[in-house]
């Protein structure tokens, strides 16, 4: 499934999680969305979202260029889930 929401719609990881609950058998997902990078760039929550997927491609666009503590955001993707499983 490919979803492109780069218009004026703002999406959060909570929105994505609630949407994917209804698609339990989904195995392939491509997302192109615009939102708050401090919400979207969360390795822990993204790992929950992608756990059952075989392939995924996330393209997150920022509403702003401002990140709060970018190192913390990057570190959230340094878990064994991202380095070994995906």
Protein backbone atom coordinates (compact mmCIF):
# COMPACT_ATOMS: atom_id res chain seq x y z
CA UNK A 1 0.00 0.00 0.00
CA UNK A 2 1.30 3.43 -0.92
CA UNK A 3 0.02 6.53 0.88
CA UNK A 4 0.98 10.05 -0.14
CA UNK A 5 -0.25 12.83 2.15
CA UNK A 6 2.06 15.74 1.38
CA UNK A 7 -0.73 18.30 1.03
CA UNK A 8 -1.97 20.48 3.89
CA UNK A 9 -2.88 17.45 5.99
CA UNK A 10 -0.66 17.02 9.07
CA UNK A 11 -0.14 13.45 10.27
CA UNK A 12 1.25 12.16 13.56
CA UNK A 13 2.53 8.71 14.51
CA UNK A 14 -0.64 8.30 16.58
CA UNK A 15 -2.70 8.86 13.42
CA UNK A 16 -0.61 6.25 11.58
CA UNK A 17 -0.94 3.73 14.42
CA UNK A 18 -4.73 4.16 14.57
CA UNK A 19 -4.99 3.76 10.79
CA UNK A 20 -2.82 0.62 10.69
CA UNK A 21 -4.84 -1.13 13.42
CA UNK A 22 -7.52 -1.61 10.77
CA UNK A 23 -5.02 -3.17 8.34
CA UNK A 24 -3.77 -6.12 10.37
CA UNK A 25 -2.73 -8.13 7.28
CA UNK A 26 -0.76 -5.31 5.66
CA UNK A 27 2.78 -6.46 4.72
CA UNK A 28 4.12 -3.63 2.52
CA UNK A 29 3.77 0.08 3.25
CA UNK A 30 5.08 3.25 1.65
CA UNK A 31 4.29 6.52 3.43
CA UNK A 32 4.93 10.04 2.19
CA UNK A 33 3.65 12.42 4.82
CA UNK A 34 4.18 15.87 6.24
CA UNK A 35 4.22 16.50 9.96
CA UNK A 36 6.20 17.48 13.01
CA UNK A 37 9.61 15.79 12.84
CA UNK A 38 9.84 15.69 16.62
CA UNK A 39 6.81 13.39 16.54
CA UNK A 40 7.53 11.44 13.35
CA UNK A 41 11.21 10.69 14.04
CA UNK A 42 10.70 8.31 16.93
CA UNK A 43 12.52 5.02 16.47
CA UNK A 44 10.69 3.27 19.27
CA UNK A 45 7.23 4.06 17.93
CA UNK A 46 8.27 3.41 14.31
CA UNK A 47 9.55 -0.02 15.32
CA UNK A 48 6.11 -0.83 16.71
CA UNK A 49 4.48 0.32 13.48
CA UNK A 50 6.86 -1.64 11.23
CA UNK A 51 7.20 -4.82 13.31
CA UNK A 52 4.75 -6.87 11.18
CA UNK A 53 5.68 -5.30 7.84
CA UNK A 54 7.94 -7.06 5.35
CA UNK A 55 8.87 -3.87 3.52
CA UNK A 56 8.36 -0.23 4.36
CA UNK A 57 9.51 3.10 2.99
CA UNK A 58 8.84 6.19 5.08
CA UNK A 59 9.38 9.63 3.57
CA UNK A 60 8.70 12.23 6.27
CA UNK A 61 8.61 15.90 5.33
CA UNK A 62 8.93 18.56 8.01
CA UNK A 63 6.60 21.48 8.57
CA UNK A 64 9.63 23.33 9.92
CA UNK A 65 13.38 22.93 9.86
CA UNK A 66 13.60 22.93 13.65
CA UNK A 67 14.39 19.74 15.53
CA UNK A 68 14.59 19.60 19.29
CA UNK A 69 17.60 17.57 20.32
CA UNK A 70 18.33 15.88 17.01
CA UNK A 71 20.83 13.48 18.62
CA UNK A 72 18.07 12.01 20.80
CA UNK A 73 15.92 11.51 17.71
CA UNK A 74 18.77 9.80 15.84
CA UNK A 75 19.62 7.63 18.85
CA UNK A 76 16.05 6.31 18.93
CA UNK A 77 16.83 4.47 15.66
CA UNK A 78 20.03 2.87 17.02
CA UNK A 79 18.32 -0.06 18.76
CA UNK A 80 18.87 -3.72 17.86
CA UNK A 81 15.49 -3.69 16.12
CA UNK A 82 16.80 -1.28 13.45
CA UNK A 83 20.33 -2.67 13.18
CA UNK A 84 19.47 -6.40 13.23
CA UNK A 85 15.80 -7.01 12.46
CA UNK A 86 15.04 -4.34 9.84
